[in-house]
Amino acid sequence: MINNVLRIIFTFLLLSIIAASVIDYSNIPSIGLSAEGGAGLGYHFWGYLIAAVLSWIAFRNHNAWVISIIGLLLFVLGTGLEILQAYLPYRTFNPKDIAANILGLGAGFLCILIWRSIQKFKESRIST
């Protein structure tokens, strides 16, 4: 049950990333979010870090290949959306955004590895 809810949240996050990547912000009144001064890179980093961690939590009952494929698909999604922005008249291509996506994914999967190592260490101490 909880995994289904987490998968829905993960799907909503992906749809939000897609929408935020292709929407024309020029006609939307300011809501206080700014991509100026590198803040947009933070949005990319944290969005993809959260996506990586949430994918693992939602699909952790699957084998490592499923999580690896999801990570690869998140990379392809982020890169593809950034390339698509080069062809949208109201958006711009920025290779730094792709780098921030990759760093976010890497940091997310590093968090997962650290968490799994801690859990295995705790389990080994309990069993000995």
N, C-alpha and C. Protein backbone atom coordinates (compact mmCIF):
# COMPACT_ATOMS: atom_id res chain seq x y z
N MET A 1 0.82 -1.20 0.00
CA MET A 1 0.00 0.00 0.00
C MET A 1 0.87 1.27 0.00
N ILE A 2 1.81 1.34 0.95
CA ILE A 2 2.66 2.53 1.04
C ILE A 2 3.54 2.67 -0.20
N ASN A 3 4.00 1.53 -0.76
CA ASN A 3 4.80 1.60 -1.98
C ASN A 3 3.99 2.18 -3.14
N ASN A 4 2.71 1.86 -3.22
CA ASN A 4 1.86 2.42 -4.27
C ASN A 4 1.73 3.93 -4.12
N VAL A 5 1.58 4.39 -2.89
CA VAL A 5 1.49 5.84 -2.63
C VAL A 5 2.81 6.51 -3.02
N LEU A 6 3.93 5.89 -2.65
CA LEU A 6 5.24 6.45 -3.00
C LEU A 6 5.46 6.46 -4.50
N ARG A 7 4.96 5.46 -5.19
CA ARG A 7 5.09 5.43 -6.65
C ARG A 7 4.25 6.53 -7.29
N ILE A 8 3.10 6.82 -6.71
CA ILE A 8 2.27 7.92 -7.21
C ILE A 8 2.98 9.25 -6.98
N ILE A 9 3.59 9.41 -5.80
CA ILE A 9 4.34 10.64 -5.51
C ILE A 9 5.52 10.77 -6.46
N PHE A 10 6.22 9.67 -6.70
CA PHE A 10 7.35 9.66 -7.65
C PHE A 10 6.88 10.07 -9.04
N THR A 11 5.76 9.51 -9.47
CA THR A 11 5.21 9.86 -10.79
C THR A 11 4.82 11.33 -10.83
N PHE A 12 4.21 11.84 -9.77
CA PHE A 12 3.84 13.26 -9.71
C PHE A 12 5.10 14.13 -9.78
N LEU A 13 6.17 13.72 -9.09
CA LEU A 13 7.42 14.48 -9.14
C LEU A 13 7.96 14.53 -10.56
N LEU A 14 7.94 13.38 -11.25
CA LEU A 14 8.43 13.35 -12.63
C LEU A 14 7.59 14.24 -13.54
N LEU A 15 6.28 14.17 -13.38
CA LEU A 15 5.40 15.03 -14.19
C LEU A 15 5.64 16.51 -13.89
N SER A 16 5.92 16.81 -12.63
CA SER A 16 6.21 18.20 -12.24
C SER A 16 7.52 18.67 -12.86
N ILE A 17 8.52 17.79 -12.88
CA ILE A 17 9.80 18.14 -13.50
C ILE A 17 9.61 18.39 -14.99
N ILE A 18 8.83 17.54 -15.64
CA ILE A 18 8.57 17.71 -17.07
C ILE A 18 7.85 19.03 -17.32
N ALA A 19 6.80 19.28 -16.55
CA ALA A 19 6.03 20.53 -16.73
C ALA A 19 6.90 21.75 -16.49
N ALA A 20 7.69 21.73 -15.41
CA ALA A 20 8.54 22.87 -15.08
C ALA A 20 9.62 23.09 -16.14
N SER A 21 9.97 22.04 -16.87
CA SER A 21 11.02 22.15 -17.89
C SER A 21 10.52 22.70 -19.21
N VAL A 22 9.23 22.61 -19.47
CA VAL A 22 8.73 23.04 -20.78
C VAL A 22 7.75 24.20 -20.71
N ILE A 23 7.33 24.60 -19.53
CA ILE A 23 6.32 25.66 -19.40
C ILE A 23 6.93 27.02 -19.73
N ASP A 24 6.10 27.89 -20.25
CA ASP A 24 6.50 29.27 -20.54
C ASP A 24 6.18 30.12 -19.31
N TYR A 25 7.21 30.54 -18.59
CA TYR A 25 7.02 31.32 -17.37
C TYR A 25 6.78 32.80 -17.63
N SER A 26 6.96 33.25 -18.86
CA SER A 26 6.90 34.68 -19.14
C SER A 26 5.50 35.28 -18.88
N ASN A 27 4.45 34.49 -18.97
CA ASN A 27 3.10 35.00 -18.75
C ASN A 27 2.56 34.71 -17.36
N ILE A 28 3.38 34.13 -16.50
CA ILE A 28 2.95 33.79 -15.15
C ILE A 28 3.47 34.85 -14.19
N PRO A 29 2.60 35.41 -13.36
CA PRO A 29 3.08 36.38 -12.37
C PRO A 29 4.13 35.75 -11.46
N SER A 30 5.06 36.54 -11.00
CA SER A 30 6.14 36.05 -10.17
C SER A 30 5.61 35.41 -8.90
N ILE A 31 6.16 34.23 -8.58
CA ILE A 31 5.78 33.54 -7.35
C ILE A 31 6.96 33.47 -6.39
N GLY A 32 7.98 34.23 -6.68
CA GLY A 32 9.12 34.31 -5.78
C GLY A 32 10.23 33.32 -6.09
N LEU A 33 10.08 32.48 -7.11
CA LEU A 33 11.14 31.57 -7.50
C LEU A 33 11.99 32.24 -8.56
N SER A 34 13.28 32.15 -8.40
CA SER A 34 14.18 32.77 -9.36
C SER A 34 15.26 31.79 -9.76
N ALA A 35 15.59 31.80 -11.03
CA ALA A 35 16.68 30.97 -11.52
C ALA A 35 17.94 31.80 -11.72
N GLU A 36 17.87 33.05 -11.33
CA GLU A 36 19.01 33.94 -11.51
C GLU A 36 20.08 33.65 -10.47
N GLY A 37 21.32 33.94 -10.82
CA GLY A 37 22.42 33.79 -9.89
C GLY A 37 22.72 32.34 -9.54
N GLY A 38 22.33 31.42 -10.39
CA GLY A 38 22.62 30.02 -10.15
C GLY A 38 21.58 29.29 -9.32
N ALA A 39 20.53 29.99 -8.88
CA ALA A 39 19.50 29.32 -8.07
C ALA A 39 18.82 28.21 -8.85
N GLY A 40 18.70 28.36 -10.16
CA GLY A 40 18.08 27.32 -10.99
C GLY A 40 18.86 26.02 -10.93
N LEU A 41 20.17 26.11 -10.77
CA LEU A 41 20.98 24.90 -10.66
C LEU A 41 20.63 24.14 -9.39
N GLY A 42 20.31 24.86 -8.34
CA GLY A 42 19.87 24.23 -7.09
C GLY A 42 18.57 23.49 -7.28
N TYR A 43 17.65 24.07 -8.05
CA TYR A 43 16.38 23.39 -8.33
C TYR A 43 16.63 22.07 -9.07
N HIS A 44 17.54 22.11 -10.03
CA HIS A 44 17.88 20.90 -10.77
C HIS A 44 18.51 19.87 -9.84
N PHE A 45 19.50 20.30 -9.06
CA PHE A 45 20.20 19.39 -8.16
C PHE A 45 19.23 18.72 -7.19
N TRP A 46 18.45 19.51 -6.48
CA TRP A 46 17.55 18.96 -5.46
C TRP A 46 16.41 18.16 -6.07
N GLY A 47 15.91 18.59 -7.20
CA GLY A 47 14.84 17.84 -7.86
C GLY A 47 15.26 16.45 -8.24
N TYR A 48 16.46 16.33 -8.80
CA TYR A 48 16.94 15.02 -9.23
C TYR A 48 17.47 14.19 -8.06
N LEU A 49 18.01 14.83 -7.02
CA LEU A 49 18.38 14.10 -5.82
C LEU A 49 17.14 13.47 -5.19
N ILE A 50 16.09 14.26 -5.04
CA ILE A 50 14.84 13.75 -4.46
C ILE A 50 14.26 12.65 -5.34
N ALA A 51 14.32 12.83 -6.66
CA ALA A 51 13.80 11.80 -7.57
C ALA A 51 14.58 10.49 -7.40
N ALA A 52 15.90 10.57 -7.26
CA ALA A 52 16.71 9.36 -7.09
C ALA A 52 16.35 8.64 -5.79
N VAL A 53 16.30 9.38 -4.70
CA VAL A 53 16.00 8.77 -3.40
C VAL A 53 14.57 8.23 -3.38
N LEU A 54 13.64 9.01 -3.90
CA LEU A 54 12.25 8.56 -3.92
C LEU A 54 12.06 7.33 -4.79
N SER A 55 12.80 7.25 -5.89
CA SER A 55 12.70 6.05 -6.75
C SER A 55 13.16 4.82 -5.98
N TRP A 56 14.23 4.96 -5.21
CA TRP A 56 14.71 3.81 -4.44
C TRP A 56 13.72 3.42 -3.36
N ILE A 57 13.17 4.40 -2.66
CA ILE A 57 12.20 4.09 -1.61
C ILE A 57 10.96 3.43 -2.20
N ALA A 58 10.49 3.95 -3.32
CA ALA A 58 9.25 3.43 -3.93
C ALA A 58 9.44 2.06 -4.57
N PHE A 59 10.63 1.77 -5.06
CA PHE A 59 10.86 0.53 -5.80
C PHE A 59 11.91 -0.37 -5.13
N ARG A 60 12.18 -0.19 -3.86
CA ARG A 60 13.26 -0.93 -3.21
C ARG A 60 12.99 -2.42 -3.10
N ASN A 61 11.76 -2.84 -3.27
CA ASN A 61 11.48 -4.27 -3.25
C ASN A 61 11.89 -4.96 -4.54
N HIS A 62 12.30 -4.17 -5.52
CA HIS A 62 12.78 -4.72 -6.79
C HIS A 62 14.29 -4.89 -6.71
N ASN A 63 14.85 -5.56 -7.69
CA ASN A 63 16.30 -5.78 -7.65
C ASN A 63 17.05 -4.52 -8.07
N ALA A 64 18.37 -4.60 -7.93
CA ALA A 64 19.22 -3.43 -8.21
C ALA A 64 19.13 -2.99 -9.66
N TRP A 65 18.83 -3.92 -10.58
CA TRP A 65 18.73 -3.55 -11.99
C TRP A 65 17.59 -2.57 -12.22
N VAL A 66 16.47 -2.76 -11.54
CA VAL A 66 15.32 -1.87 -11.70
C VAL A 66 15.71 -0.46 -11.26
N ILE A 67 16.37 -0.36 -10.13
CA ILE A 67 16.80 0.96 -9.63
C ILE A 67 17.82 1.57 -10.58
N SER A 68 18.73 0.76 -11.11
CA SER A 68 19.72 1.26 -12.07
C SER A 68 19.06 1.78 -13.34
N ILE A 69 18.07 1.05 -13.82
CA ILE A 69 17.35 1.48 -15.03
C ILE A 69 16.60 2.77 -14.76
N ILE A 70 15.98 2.87 -13.59
CA ILE A 70 15.29 4.12 -13.23
C ILE A 70 16.28 5.27 -13.20
N GLY A 71 17.46 5.05 -12.62
CA GLY A 71 18.49 6.10 -12.60
C GLY A 71 18.90 6.51 -14.00
N LEU A 72 19.08 5.53 -14.87
CA LEU A 72 19.43 5.82 -16.26
C LEU A 72 18.32 6.60 -16.95
N LEU A 73 17.07 6.20 -16.71
CA LEU A 73 15.94 6.90 -17.32
C LEU A 73 15.81 8.33 -16.78
N LEU A 74 16.12 8.53 -15.51
CA LEU A 74 16.10 9.89 -14.96
C LEU A 74 17.17 10.75 -15.64
N PHE A 75 18.34 10.17 -15.88
CA PHE A 75 19.39 10.88 -16.59
C PHE A 75 18.94 11.25 -18.01
N VAL A 76 18.37 10.27 -18.71
CA VAL A 76 17.89 10.50 -20.08
C VAL A 76 16.79 11.56 -20.08
N LEU A 77 15.88 11.48 -19.11
CA LEU A 77 14.80 12.47 -19.01
C LEU A 77 15.37 13.88 -18.83
N GLY A 78 16.27 14.04 -17.87
CA GLY A 78 16.84 15.37 -17.61
C GLY A 78 17.60 15.92 -18.79
N THR A 79 18.40 15.08 -19.42
CA THR A 79 19.17 15.51 -20.59
C THR A 79 18.25 15.81 -21.77
N GLY A 80 17.27 14.93 -21.99
CA GLY A 80 16.32 15.14 -23.09
C GLY A 80 15.52 16.41 -22.92
N LEU A 81 15.08 16.68 -21.70
CA LEU A 81 14.31 17.91 -21.46
C LEU A 81 15.17 19.15 -21.69
N GLU A 82 16.41 19.07 -21.30
CA GLU A 82 17.30 20.22 -21.50
C GLU A 82 17.55 20.44 -22.99
N ILE A 83 17.73 19.37 -23.75
CA ILE A 83 17.91 19.50 -25.20
C ILE A 83 16.64 20.05 -25.84
N LEU A 84 15.49 19.57 -25.38
CA LEU A 84 14.21 20.08 -25.89
C LEU A 84 14.09 21.59 -25.68
N GLN A 85 14.60 22.08 -24.57
CA GLN A 85 14.52 23.52 -24.28
C GLN A 85 15.25 24.35 -25.33
N ALA A 86 16.23 23.78 -26.01
CA ALA A 86 16.94 24.51 -27.07
C ALA A 86 16.01 24.84 -28.22
N TYR A 87 14.94 24.07 -28.37
CA TYR A 87 14.01 24.27 -29.48
C TYR A 87 12.74 25.01 -29.08
N LEU A 88 12.61 25.33 -27.82
CA LEU A 88 11.44 26.09 -27.36
C LEU A 88 11.80 27.57 -27.36
N PRO A 89 10.96 28.40 -27.98
CA PRO A 89 11.31 29.82 -28.12
C PRO A 89 11.41 30.57 -26.79
N TYR A 90 10.77 30.09 -25.77
CA TYR A 90 10.74 30.78 -24.48
C TYR A 90 11.66 30.14 -23.44
N ARG A 91 12.45 29.15 -23.85
CA ARG A 91 13.38 28.49 -22.94
C ARG A 91 14.77 28.49 -23.58
N THR A 92 15.79 28.21 -22.78
CA THR A 92 17.15 28.14 -23.30
C THR A 92 17.84 26.87 -22.84
N PHE A 93 18.73 26.38 -23.67
CA PHE A 93 19.55 25.22 -23.33
C PHE A 93 20.68 25.67 -22.44
N ASN A 94 20.93 24.91 -21.37
CA ASN A 94 22.04 25.23 -20.48
C ASN A 94 22.71 23.92 -20.04
N PRO A 95 23.93 23.68 -20.51
CA PRO A 95 24.61 22.44 -20.12
C PRO A 95 24.88 22.34 -18.61
N LYS A 96 24.92 23.49 -17.93
CA LYS A 96 25.09 23.47 -16.47
C LYS A 96 23.90 22.81 -15.79
N ASP A 97 22.71 22.95 -16.39
CA ASP A 97 21.53 22.29 -15.83
C ASP A 97 21.67 20.78 -15.91
N ILE A 98 22.22 20.29 -17.02
CA ILE A 98 22.45 18.85 -17.16
C ILE A 98 23.45 18.39 -16.10
N ALA A 99 24.50 19.17 -15.88
CA ALA A 99 25.49 18.83 -14.86
C ALA A 99 24.84 18.80 -13.47
N ALA A 100 23.98 19.77 -13.19
CA ALA A 100 23.29 19.79 -11.89
C ALA A 100 22.38 18.57 -11.75
N ASN A 101 21.71 18.17 -12.83
CA ASN A 101 20.88 16.96 -12.80
C ASN A 101 21.73 15.74 -12.45
N ILE A 102 22.87 15.63 -13.12
CA ILE A 102 23.76 14.48 -12.90
C ILE A 102 24.29 14.49 -11.47
N LEU A 103 24.69 15.66 -10.99
CA LEU A 103 25.18 15.75 -9.61
C LEU A 103 24.08 15.39 -8.61
N GLY A 104 22.85 15.84 -8.87
CA GLY A 104 21.73 15.50 -8.00
C GLY A 104 21.46 14.00 -7.99
N LEU A 105 21.46 13.39 -9.18
CA LEU A 105 21.28 11.94 -9.26
C LEU A 105 22.39 11.21 -8.52
N GLY A 106 23.63 11.64 -8.76
CA GLY A 106 24.77 11.01 -8.10
C GLY A 106 24.69 11.14 -6.59
N ALA A 107 24.35 12.33 -6.12
CA ALA A 107 24.23 12.55 -4.67
C ALA A 107 23.09 11.71 -4.10
N GLY A 108 21.99 11.61 -4.83
CA GLY A 108 20.86 10.80 -4.37
C GLY A 108 21.24 9.33 -4.25
N PHE A 109 21.89 8.81 -5.27
CA PHE A 109 22.28 7.40 -5.22
C PHE A 109 23.41 7.17 -4.21
N LEU A 110 24.24 8.17 -3.97
CA LEU A 110 25.25 8.07 -2.91
C LEU A 110 24.56 8.00 -1.54
N CYS A 111 23.53 8.81 -1.35
CA CYS A 111 22.75 8.75 -0.10
C CYS A 111 22.16 7.35 0.09
N ILE A 112 21.67 6.78 -0.99
CA ILE A 112 21.09 5.43 -0.94
C ILE A 112 22.17 4.42 -0.53
N LEU A 113 23.34 4.49 -1.16
CA LEU A 113 24.42 3.56 -0.83
C LEU A 113 24.85 3.69 0.63
N ILE A 114 24.95 4.92 1.10
CA ILE A 114 25.33 5.15 2.50
C ILE A 114 24.25 4.57 3.42
N TRP A 115 22.99 4.83 3.12
CA TRP A 115 21.89 4.31 3.93
C TRP A 115 21.92 2.78 3.96
N ARG A 116 22.10 2.16 2.80
CA ARG A 116 22.14 0.70 2.74
C ARG A 116 23.33 0.14 3.51
N SER A 117 24.48 0.82 3.45
CA SER A 117 25.65 0.38 4.20
C SER A 117 25.41 0.46 5.70
N ILE A 118 24.78 1.52 6.13
CA ILE A 118 24.46 1.67 7.56
C ILE A 118 23.51 0.57 8.00
N GLN A 119 22.50 0.28 7.18
CA GLN A 119 21.53 -0.77 7.52
C GLN A 119 22.21 -2.14 7.58
N LYS A 120 23.09 -2.43 6.63
CA LYS A 120 23.80 -3.72 6.64
C LYS A 120 24.71 -3.82 7.86
N PHE A 121 25.36 -2.72 8.23
CA PHE A 121 26.23 -2.71 9.41
C PHE A 121 25.40 -2.99 10.65
N LYS A 122 24.25 -2.35 10.78
CA LYS A 122 23.38 -2.57 11.94
C LYS A 122 22.91 -4.02 11.99
N GLU A 123 22.55 -4.56 10.85
CA GLU A 123 22.09 -5.96 10.80
C GLU A 123 23.22 -6.92 11.19
N SER A 124 24.43 -6.63 10.76
CA SER A 124 25.55 -7.52 11.09
C SER A 124 25.88 -7.45 12.58
N ARG A 125 25.71 -6.31 13.20
CA ARG A 125 25.97 -6.18 14.63
C ARG A 125 24.90 -6.90 15.44
N ILE A 126 23.67 -6.90 14.95
CA ILE A 126 22.58 -7.58 15.66
C ILE A 126 22.76 -9.09 15.58
N SER A 127 23.19 -9.59 14.42
CA SER A 127 23.30 -11.03 14.23
C SER A 127 24.54 -11.64 14.87
N THR A 128 25.51 -10.81 15.27
CA THR A 128 26.72 -11.37 15.90
C THR A 128 26.67 -11.30 17.39
